[in-house]
């Protein structure tokens, strides 16, 4: 795959924001897998994991930065962690790939785990129409609740959200169940997760099911902890792509 670093001007504040782009050795528009970095990392975080995934799928791969780690050591942490800036950076990067004729807008897939799973659900809640399918592993769904549960990450949540419960709610997927219910998303969570309790995903899924019984939101509670499963992720993305292709051909 061809690798390049691209810098895209934010349509929100005009700043140049970096992403890594990997293109298959094919011409024309291709399906695009968008991989989101985890809580404490940046755009390089998922390279070793996700380049082989994209190669196995035959997709292009986009790894956006979206304002960097959700840590108090990040000088722009208030613009990270599910902010409007961070979400716009991801959309801008996808739009650039579509504009360049690299990505097929009908086949955009999103993957994130832990902090990336949180961000994947934020994107599902705010722009579900962008994605054919979304895979979110072990996501944080309620930042204020998580800050109370996890002393290690409490100070980082507070720094990102200016220690404001209203801002924490604004950056929590639990506040966007109406949008998430419109997405095609599968949430995977380890039953014994010590970092982000499985109750985060169960509560979000339950709230969506109560309000929107007819939806395309799925929950897989697997026998594990705070981890991802490559086979589960690849299977979900591949089957959703194949299902859409089959529907297009037969429809």
Protein backbone atom coordinates (compact mmCIF):
# COMPACT_ATOMS: atom_id res chain seq x y z
CA UNK A 1 0.00 0.00 0.00
CA UNK A 2 1.11 3.55 -0.70
CA UNK A 3 1.57 5.63 2.45
CA UNK A 4 1.38 9.41 2.69
CA UNK A 5 0.82 12.00 5.37
CA UNK A 6 -1.81 14.53 4.44
CA UNK A 7 -2.67 17.83 6.10
CA UNK A 8 -6.21 19.07 5.75
CA UNK A 9 -7.48 22.52 6.56
CA UNK A 10 -10.15 22.41 9.23
CA UNK A 11 -13.47 23.79 8.04
CA UNK A 12 -14.10 24.83 11.64
CA UNK A 13 -11.03 26.86 12.59
CA UNK A 14 -8.82 26.87 9.49
CA UNK A 15 -5.92 25.01 11.12
CA UNK A 16 -4.02 22.29 9.24
CA UNK A 17 -4.70 18.87 10.73
CA UNK A 18 -2.65 15.73 9.94
CA UNK A 19 -3.82 12.29 8.91
CA UNK A 20 -2.09 9.18 7.57
CA UNK A 21 -3.45 7.78 4.33
CA UNK A 22 -2.74 4.32 2.95
CA UNK A 23 -3.91 3.61 -0.59
CA UNK A 24 -4.20 0.16 -2.17
CA UNK A 25 -2.37 -0.42 -5.45
CA UNK A 26 -5.59 0.10 -7.39
CA UNK A 27 -7.01 2.91 -9.43
CA UNK A 28 -10.31 4.67 -8.88
CA UNK A 29 -12.51 4.99 -5.82
CA UNK A 30 -12.12 2.29 -3.18
CA UNK A 31 -13.86 1.47 0.10
CA UNK A 32 -12.24 3.39 2.95
CA UNK A 33 -11.56 2.14 6.47
CA UNK A 34 -11.19 4.96 8.99
CA UNK A 35 -9.23 3.95 12.08
CA UNK A 36 -9.38 6.02 15.25
CA UNK A 37 -6.52 6.17 17.74
CA UNK A 38 -7.02 5.22 21.37
CA UNK A 39 -7.38 7.58 24.33
CA UNK A 40 -3.72 8.28 25.08
CA UNK A 41 -2.24 8.25 21.57
CA UNK A 42 -2.12 9.92 18.16
CA UNK A 43 -2.53 9.02 14.48
CA UNK A 44 0.40 6.56 14.54
CA UNK A 45 -1.25 4.43 17.22
CA UNK A 46 -3.13 2.08 14.86
CA UNK A 47 -0.62 1.74 12.00
CA UNK A 48 0.75 -1.71 12.85
CA UNK A 49 -2.70 -3.07 13.65
CA UNK A 50 -4.77 -1.60 10.87
CA UNK A 51 -2.59 -1.60 7.77
CA UNK A 52 -2.82 -5.42 7.61
CA UNK A 53 -6.60 -5.13 8.14
CA UNK A 54 -6.96 -2.76 5.21
CA UNK A 55 -4.78 -4.97 3.05
CA UNK A 56 -6.87 -8.02 3.95
CA UNK A 57 -10.06 -6.16 3.06
CA UNK A 58 -8.65 -4.47 -0.05
CA UNK A 59 -9.66 -1.06 1.34
CA UNK A 60 -7.90 2.25 1.65
CA UNK A 61 -7.03 3.28 5.20
CA UNK A 62 -7.32 6.71 6.82
CA UNK A 63 -5.84 7.37 10.27
CA UNK A 64 -6.84 10.87 11.41
CA UNK A 65 -5.27 12.71 14.33
CA UNK A 66 -8.38 14.58 15.58
CA UNK A 67 -6.43 16.90 17.92
CA UNK A 68 -4.28 14.26 19.59
CA UNK A 69 -4.35 12.36 22.90
CA UNK A 70 -7.08 12.90 25.48
CA UNK A 71 -4.47 13.67 28.13
CA UNK A 72 -3.77 16.67 30.33
CA UNK A 73 -0.26 16.74 28.81
CA UNK A 74 -1.75 17.60 25.42
CA UNK A 75 -1.78 21.44 25.24
CA UNK A 76 -4.90 21.33 23.07
CA UNK A 77 -6.72 18.60 25.00
CA UNK A 78 -9.88 20.72 25.24
CA UNK A 79 -10.11 20.39 21.45
CA UNK A 80 -9.67 16.59 21.64
CA UNK A 81 -11.91 14.04 23.40
CA UNK A 82 -15.11 14.16 21.37
CA UNK A 83 -15.11 17.91 20.82
CA UNK A 84 -16.67 19.56 17.79
CA UNK A 85 -13.13 20.23 16.54
CA UNK A 86 -12.15 16.57 16.79
CA UNK A 87 -15.29 15.35 15.05
CA UNK A 88 -14.90 17.94 12.30
CA UNK A 89 -11.29 16.86 11.71
CA UNK A 90 -12.46 13.31 10.99
CA UNK A 91 -15.20 14.51 8.66
CA UNK A 92 -12.83 16.89 6.88
CA UNK A 93 -10.31 14.08 6.31
CA UNK A 94 -12.99 11.78 4.90
CA UNK A 95 -14.36 14.56 2.70
CA UNK A 96 -10.86 15.19 1.33
CA UNK A 97 -10.47 11.52 0.40
CA UNK A 98 -13.84 11.60 -1.35
CA UNK A 99 -13.00 14.86 -3.11
CA UNK A 100 -9.72 13.42 -4.41
CA UNK A 101 -11.56 10.40 -5.84
CA UNK A 102 -9.74 8.05 -3.46
CA UNK A 103 -12.71 6.93 -1.35
CA UNK A 104 -16.11 5.64 -2.42
CA UNK A 105 -18.61 7.63 -0.32
CA UNK A 106 -20.99 4.66 -0.34
CA UNK A 107 -18.42 2.46 1.40
CA UNK A 108 -16.89 4.30 4.35
CA UNK A 109 -16.23 2.17 7.44
CA UNK A 110 -15.23 3.31 10.93
CA UNK A 111 -13.34 1.45 13.64
CA UNK A 112 -12.25 2.53 17.10
CA UNK A 113 -11.39 0.93 20.42
CA UNK A 114 -11.43 2.32 23.96
CA UNK A 115 -10.97 6.09 23.46
CA UNK A 116 -11.32 5.38 19.75
CA UNK A 117 -14.53 3.46 20.48
CA UNK A 118 -15.81 6.50 22.36
CA UNK A 119 -14.99 8.65 19.33
CA UNK A 120 -16.55 6.14 16.91
CA UNK A 121 -19.84 6.38 18.81
CA UNK A 122 -19.60 10.17 18.87
CA UNK A 123 -19.30 10.11 15.07
CA UNK A 124 -22.20 7.67 14.88
CA UNK A 125 -24.29 10.03 16.96
CA UNK A 126 -23.41 13.17 15.02
CA UNK A 127 -23.03 12.06 11.39
CA UNK A 128 -24.34 8.48 10.99
CA UNK A 129 -24.96 9.06 7.28
CA UNK A 130 -21.20 9.08 6.62
CA UNK A 131 -20.65 5.42 7.41
CA UNK A 132 -21.76 2.13 5.92
CA UNK A 133 -20.84 0.38 9.17
CA UNK A 134 -19.13 1.20 12.45
CA UNK A 135 -17.29 -1.10 14.86
CA UNK A 136 -16.76 0.25 18.39
CA UNK A 137 -14.78 -1.85 20.87
CA UNK A 138 -14.83 -1.31 24.66
CA UNK A 139 -16.07 2.31 24.37
CA UNK A 140 -16.55 4.93 27.05
CA UNK A 141 -20.16 6.10 26.70
CA UNK A 142 -20.47 8.45 29.71
CA UNK A 143 -17.43 10.59 30.55
CA UNK A 144 -18.67 11.88 33.91
CA UNK A 145 -19.51 8.35 35.06
CA UNK A 146 -16.16 7.05 33.84
CA UNK A 147 -14.28 9.80 35.67
CA UNK A 148 -15.94 8.61 38.88
CA UNK A 149 -15.14 4.97 38.11
CA UNK A 150 -11.53 5.30 37.00
CA UNK A 151 -9.14 7.33 39.14
CA UNK A 152 -6.30 6.91 36.64
CA UNK A 153 -8.15 8.77 33.90
CA UNK A 154 -10.19 11.19 36.02
CA UNK A 155 -7.77 14.09 35.73
CA UNK A 156 -7.56 13.67 31.96
CA UNK A 157 -11.35 13.72 31.53
CA UNK A 158 -11.53 16.82 33.72
CA UNK A 159 -8.75 18.54 31.76
CA UNK A 160 -10.34 17.80 28.38
CA UNK A 161 -13.77 18.94 29.54
CA UNK A 162 -12.61 21.91 31.68
CA UNK A 163 -13.94 20.09 34.75
CA UNK A 164 -17.47 20.87 33.56
CA UNK A 165 -20.19 18.18 33.85
CA UNK A 166 -22.19 19.85 31.08
CA UNK A 167 -19.19 19.60 28.76
CA UNK A 168 -18.68 15.96 29.78
CA UNK A 169 -22.26 15.20 28.81
CA UNK A 170 -21.82 17.05 25.50
CA UNK A 171 -18.87 14.77 24.69
CA UNK A 172 -20.55 11.52 25.76
CA UNK A 173 -22.26 9.08 23.37
CA UNK A 174 -25.10 8.69 25.88
CA UNK A 175 -26.22 12.18 24.83
CA UNK A 176 -26.59 11.13 21.18
CA UNK A 177 -28.74 8.03 21.18
CA UNK A 178 -31.04 9.55 18.55
CA UNK A 179 -28.18 9.75 16.06
CA UNK A 180 -26.57 6.44 17.02
CA UNK A 181 -29.92 4.72 16.49
CA UNK A 182 -29.74 5.84 12.84
CA UNK A 183 -26.31 4.25 12.33
CA UNK A 184 -25.32 0.71 11.41
CA UNK A 185 -23.06 0.06 14.38
CA UNK A 186 -21.89 -2.92 16.38
CA UNK A 187 -20.53 -2.41 19.88
CA UNK A 188 -18.16 -5.03 21.27
CA UNK A 189 -17.34 -5.09 24.97
CA UNK A 190 -15.43 -7.49 27.19
CA UNK A 191 -17.55 -8.81 30.04
CA UNK A 192 -14.66 -8.46 32.49
CA UNK A 193 -13.28 -5.11 31.29
CA UNK A 194 -11.43 -3.52 34.26
CA UNK A 195 -10.78 -0.20 32.49
CA UNK A 196 -14.17 0.67 31.02
CA UNK A 197 -16.91 -1.39 32.72
CA UNK A 198 -19.16 -3.29 30.33
CA UNK A 199 -22.11 -1.41 31.82
CA UNK A 200 -21.17 1.54 29.60
CA UNK A 201 -22.11 -0.37 26.47
CA UNK A 202 -25.04 -2.21 28.04
CA UNK A 203 -26.64 1.03 29.23
CA UNK A 204 -26.24 2.74 25.85
CA UNK A 205 -27.63 -0.25 23.98
CA UNK A 206 -30.57 -0.58 26.39
CA UNK A 207 -31.49 3.10 26.08
CA UNK A 208 -31.43 2.87 22.29
CA UNK A 209 -33.54 -0.29 22.25
CA UNK A 210 -36.13 1.24 24.59
CA UNK A 211 -36.53 4.35 22.46
CA UNK A 212 -35.91 2.86 19.02
CA UNK A 213 -36.76 -0.87 18.95
CA UNK A 214 -36.28 -0.98 15.18
CA UNK A 215 -32.63 -0.08 14.62
CA UNK A 216 -29.30 -1.38 13.35
CA UNK A 217 -27.37 -1.12 16.60
CA UNK A 218 -25.94 -4.38 17.93
CA UNK A 219 -24.12 -5.38 21.10
CA UNK A 220 -21.66 -8.24 21.46
CA UNK A 221 -20.52 -8.89 25.03
CA UNK A 222 -17.57 -11.21 24.64
CA UNK A 223 -15.59 -13.28 27.10
CA UNK A 224 -12.70 -10.92 27.74
CA UNK A 225 -11.46 -7.65 29.18
CA UNK A 226 -10.34 -4.29 27.81
CA UNK A 227 -9.26 -5.62 24.45
CA UNK A 228 -10.13 -5.95 20.79
CA UNK A 229 -10.63 -9.03 18.68
CA UNK A 230 -9.23 -8.72 15.16
CA UNK A 231 -11.36 -11.55 13.79
CA UNK A 232 -14.58 -10.07 15.18
CA UNK A 233 -13.78 -6.62 13.82
CA UNK A 234 -12.79 -7.83 10.37
CA UNK A 235 -15.77 -10.18 10.14
CA UNK A 236 -18.23 -7.39 10.99
CA UNK A 237 -16.76 -4.95 8.48
CA UNK A 238 -16.44 -7.52 5.71
CA UNK A 239 -19.97 -8.88 6.13
CA UNK A 240 -21.51 -5.39 6.10
CA UNK A 241 -19.62 -4.52 2.92
CA UNK A 242 -20.61 -7.77 1.24
CA UNK A 243 -24.23 -7.34 2.32
CA UNK A 244 -24.39 -3.87 0.78
CA UNK A 245 -22.77 -5.06 -2.45
CA UNK A 246 -25.22 -7.95 -2.70
CA UNK A 247 -28.18 -5.63 -2.06
CA UNK A 248 -26.93 -3.24 -4.76
CA UNK A 249 -26.49 -6.04 -7.32
CA UNK A 250 -29.81 -7.78 -6.63
CA UNK A 251 -31.80 -4.59 -6.03
